[in-house]
């Protein structure tokens, strides 16, 4: 049976060791002085996962559509909130008149 304190200490030491290695790599052996460049690489999505028809849109079109969608969402939320407040106000007004 594994001791929880032992595992906790081992995990913390490994995190600390990884942190020190990262700092040493970053500060003591900078890659730009070695003539190397770090590139973040990710696996490409499967062709069936790509929406090919969306690739024809320019960045400006995407930004405009995002802004329009967010504004529309904001307006719907504000209208819903106003409807709830007006309903509450109407109920209080009717209740106080009786």
C-alpha atoms as a PDB file:
ATOM      1  CA  UNK A   1       0.000   0.000   0.000  1.00  0.00           C
ATOM      2  CA  UNK A   2       1.330   3.421  -0.934  1.00  0.00           C
ATOM      3  CA  UNK A   3       1.655   6.069   1.718  1.00  0.00           C
ATOM      4  CA  UNK A   4      -0.171   9.307   0.836  1.00  0.00           C
ATOM      5  CA  UNK A   5       2.534  11.496   2.368  1.00  0.00           C
ATOM      6  CA  UNK A   6       5.251   9.692   0.385  1.00  0.00           C
ATOM      7  CA  UNK A   7       3.338  10.155  -2.874  1.00  0.00           C
ATOM      8  CA  UNK A   8       2.653  13.806  -2.073  1.00  0.00           C
ATOM      9  CA  UNK A   9       6.333  14.477  -1.390  1.00  0.00           C
ATOM     10  CA  UNK A  10       7.373  12.603  -4.543  1.00  0.00           C
ATOM     11  CA  UNK A  11       4.868  14.524  -6.671  1.00  0.00           C
ATOM     12  CA  UNK A  12       5.932  17.880  -5.227  1.00  0.00           C
ATOM     13  CA  UNK A  13       9.603  17.061  -5.743  1.00  0.00           C
ATOM     14  CA  UNK A  14       8.980  16.078  -9.340  1.00  0.00           C
ATOM     15  CA  UNK A  15       7.041  19.308  -9.985  1.00  0.00           C
ATOM     16  CA  UNK A  16       9.800  21.328  -8.351  1.00  0.00           C
ATOM     17  CA  UNK A  17      12.442  19.464 -10.352  1.00  0.00           C
ATOM     18  CA  UNK A  18      10.535  20.093 -13.590  1.00  0.00           C
ATOM     19  CA  UNK A  19      10.232  23.766 -12.699  1.00  0.00           C
ATOM     20  CA  UNK A  20      13.974  24.036 -12.038  1.00  0.00           C
ATOM     21  CA  UNK A  21      14.807  22.253 -15.287  1.00  0.00           C
ATOM     22  CA  UNK A  22      12.531  24.563 -17.214  1.00  0.00           C
ATOM     23  CA  UNK A  23      14.076  27.660 -15.605  1.00  0.00           C
ATOM     24  CA  UNK A  24      17.596  26.373 -16.230  1.00  0.00           C
ATOM     25  CA  UNK A  25      16.754  25.617 -19.846  1.00  0.00           C
ATOM     26  CA  UNK A  26      15.187  29.032 -20.321  1.00  0.00           C
ATOM     27  CA  UNK A  27      17.810  31.155 -18.550  1.00  0.00           C
ATOM     28  CA  UNK A  28      21.054  29.233 -18.852  1.00  0.00           C
ATOM     29  CA  UNK A  29      20.800  27.793 -22.368  1.00  0.00           C
ATOM     30  CA  UNK A  30      18.743  30.164 -24.496  1.00  0.00           C
ATOM     31  CA  UNK A  31      17.849  28.573 -27.807  1.00  0.00           C
ATOM     32  CA  UNK A  32      18.227  31.766 -29.825  1.00  0.00           C
ATOM     33  CA  UNK A  33      21.959  31.774 -29.114  1.00  0.00           C
ATOM     34  CA  UNK A  34      22.271  28.228 -30.390  1.00  0.00           C
ATOM     35  CA  UNK A  35      20.635  29.125 -33.706  1.00  0.00           C
ATOM     36  CA  UNK A  36      17.538  27.062 -32.965  1.00  0.00           C
ATOM     37  CA  UNK A  37      13.953  28.202 -32.940  1.00  0.00           C
ATOM     38  CA  UNK A  38      11.227  26.712 -30.786  1.00  0.00           C
ATOM     39  CA  UNK A  39       8.056  25.966 -32.683  1.00  0.00           C
ATOM     40  CA  UNK A  40       4.836  24.801 -31.074  1.00  0.00           C
ATOM     41  CA  UNK A  41       3.621  21.788 -33.021  1.00  0.00           C
ATOM     42  CA  UNK A  42       0.152  20.269 -32.865  1.00  0.00           C
ATOM     43  CA  UNK A  43      -1.352  17.286 -34.613  1.00  0.00           C
ATOM     44  CA  UNK A  44      -3.469  18.276 -37.589  1.00  0.00           C
ATOM     45  CA  UNK A  45      -7.206  17.609 -37.334  1.00  0.00           C
ATOM     46  CA  UNK A  46      -8.742  14.775 -39.267  1.00  0.00           C
ATOM     47  CA  UNK A  47     -10.031  15.874 -42.701  1.00  0.00           C
ATOM     48  CA  UNK A  48     -13.545  14.847 -41.732  1.00  0.00           C
ATOM     49  CA  UNK A  49     -13.388  17.244 -38.733  1.00  0.00           C
ATOM     50  CA  UNK A  50     -12.615  20.301 -40.886  1.00  0.00           C
ATOM     51  CA  UNK A  51     -15.523  22.433 -42.074  1.00  0.00           C
ATOM     52  CA  UNK A  52     -14.128  23.111 -45.529  1.00  0.00           C
ATOM     53  CA  UNK A  53     -16.797  25.640 -46.476  1.00  0.00           C
ATOM     54  CA  UNK A  54     -15.731  27.872 -43.547  1.00  0.00           C
ATOM     55  CA  UNK A  55     -12.176  28.197 -44.862  1.00  0.00           C
ATOM     56  CA  UNK A  56     -13.323  30.635 -47.544  1.00  0.00           C
ATOM     57  CA  UNK A  57     -14.241  33.346 -44.990  1.00  0.00           C
ATOM     58  CA  UNK A  58     -11.693  36.107 -44.402  1.00  0.00           C
ATOM     59  CA  UNK A  59     -10.636  37.115 -40.899  1.00  0.00           C
ATOM     60  CA  UNK A  60     -12.507  40.419 -41.116  1.00  0.00           C
ATOM     61  CA  UNK A  61     -15.740  38.595 -41.958  1.00  0.00           C
ATOM     62  CA  UNK A  62     -15.260  36.292 -38.977  1.00  0.00           C
ATOM     63  CA  UNK A  63     -14.619  39.212 -36.626  1.00  0.00           C
ATOM     64  CA  UNK A  64     -17.689  41.109 -37.855  1.00  0.00           C
ATOM     65  CA  UNK A  65     -19.866  38.033 -37.411  1.00  0.00           C
ATOM     66  CA  UNK A  66     -18.513  37.432 -33.895  1.00  0.00           C
ATOM     67  CA  UNK A  67     -19.204  41.048 -32.918  1.00  0.00           C
ATOM     68  CA  UNK A  68     -22.731  40.862 -34.344  1.00  0.00           C
ATOM     69  CA  UNK A  69     -23.402  37.561 -32.542  1.00  0.00           C
ATOM     70  CA  UNK A  70     -22.140  38.890 -29.222  1.00  0.00           C
ATOM     71  CA  UNK A  71     -24.191  42.072 -29.540  1.00  0.00           C
ATOM     72  CA  UNK A  72     -27.301  40.068 -30.392  1.00  0.00           C
ATOM     73  CA  UNK A  73     -26.715  37.776 -27.417  1.00  0.00           C
ATOM     74  CA  UNK A  74     -26.194  40.771 -25.135  1.00  0.00           C
ATOM     75  CA  UNK A  75     -29.442  42.353 -26.346  1.00  0.00           C
ATOM     76  CA  UNK A  76     -31.386  39.122 -25.779  1.00  0.00           C
ATOM     77  CA  UNK A  77     -30.012  38.850 -22.236  1.00  0.00           C
ATOM     78  CA  UNK A  78     -30.875  42.510 -21.505  1.00  0.00           C
ATOM     79  CA  UNK A  79     -34.413  42.045 -22.894  1.00  0.00           C
ATOM     80  CA  UNK A  80     -34.886  38.921 -20.785  1.00  0.00           C
ATOM     81  CA  UNK A  81     -33.667  40.730 -17.681  1.00  0.00           C
ATOM     82  CA  UNK A  82     -35.967  43.695 -18.429  1.00  0.00           C
ATOM     83  CA  UNK A  83     -38.927  41.331 -18.894  1.00  0.00           C
ATOM     84  CA  UNK A  84     -38.252  39.707 -15.521  1.00  0.00           C
ATOM     85  CA  UNK A  85     -37.915  43.090 -13.777  1.00  0.00           C
ATOM     86  CA  UNK A  86     -41.095  44.451 -15.401  1.00  0.00           C
ATOM     87  CA  UNK A  87     -43.015  41.307 -14.452  1.00  0.00           C
ATOM     88  CA  UNK A  88     -41.824  41.603 -10.855  1.00  0.00           C
ATOM     89  CA  UNK A  89     -42.669  45.317 -10.798  1.00  0.00           C
ATOM     90  CA  UNK A  90     -46.139  44.606 -12.209  1.00  0.00           C
ATOM     91  CA  UNK A  91     -46.823  41.914  -9.608  1.00  0.00           C
ATOM     92  CA  UNK A  92     -45.722  44.197  -6.774  1.00  0.00           C
ATOM     93  CA  UNK A  93     -47.855  47.050  -8.104  1.00  0.00           C
ATOM     94  CA  UNK A  94     -50.937  44.844  -8.478  1.00  0.00           C
ATOM     95  CA  UNK A  95     -50.385  43.271  -5.041  1.00  0.00           C
ATOM     96  CA  UNK A  96     -50.056  46.697  -3.368  1.00  0.00           C
ATOM     97  CA  UNK A  97     -53.277  47.977  -4.996  1.00  0.00           C
ATOM     98  CA  UNK A  98     -55.403  45.279  -3.320  1.00  0.00           C
END
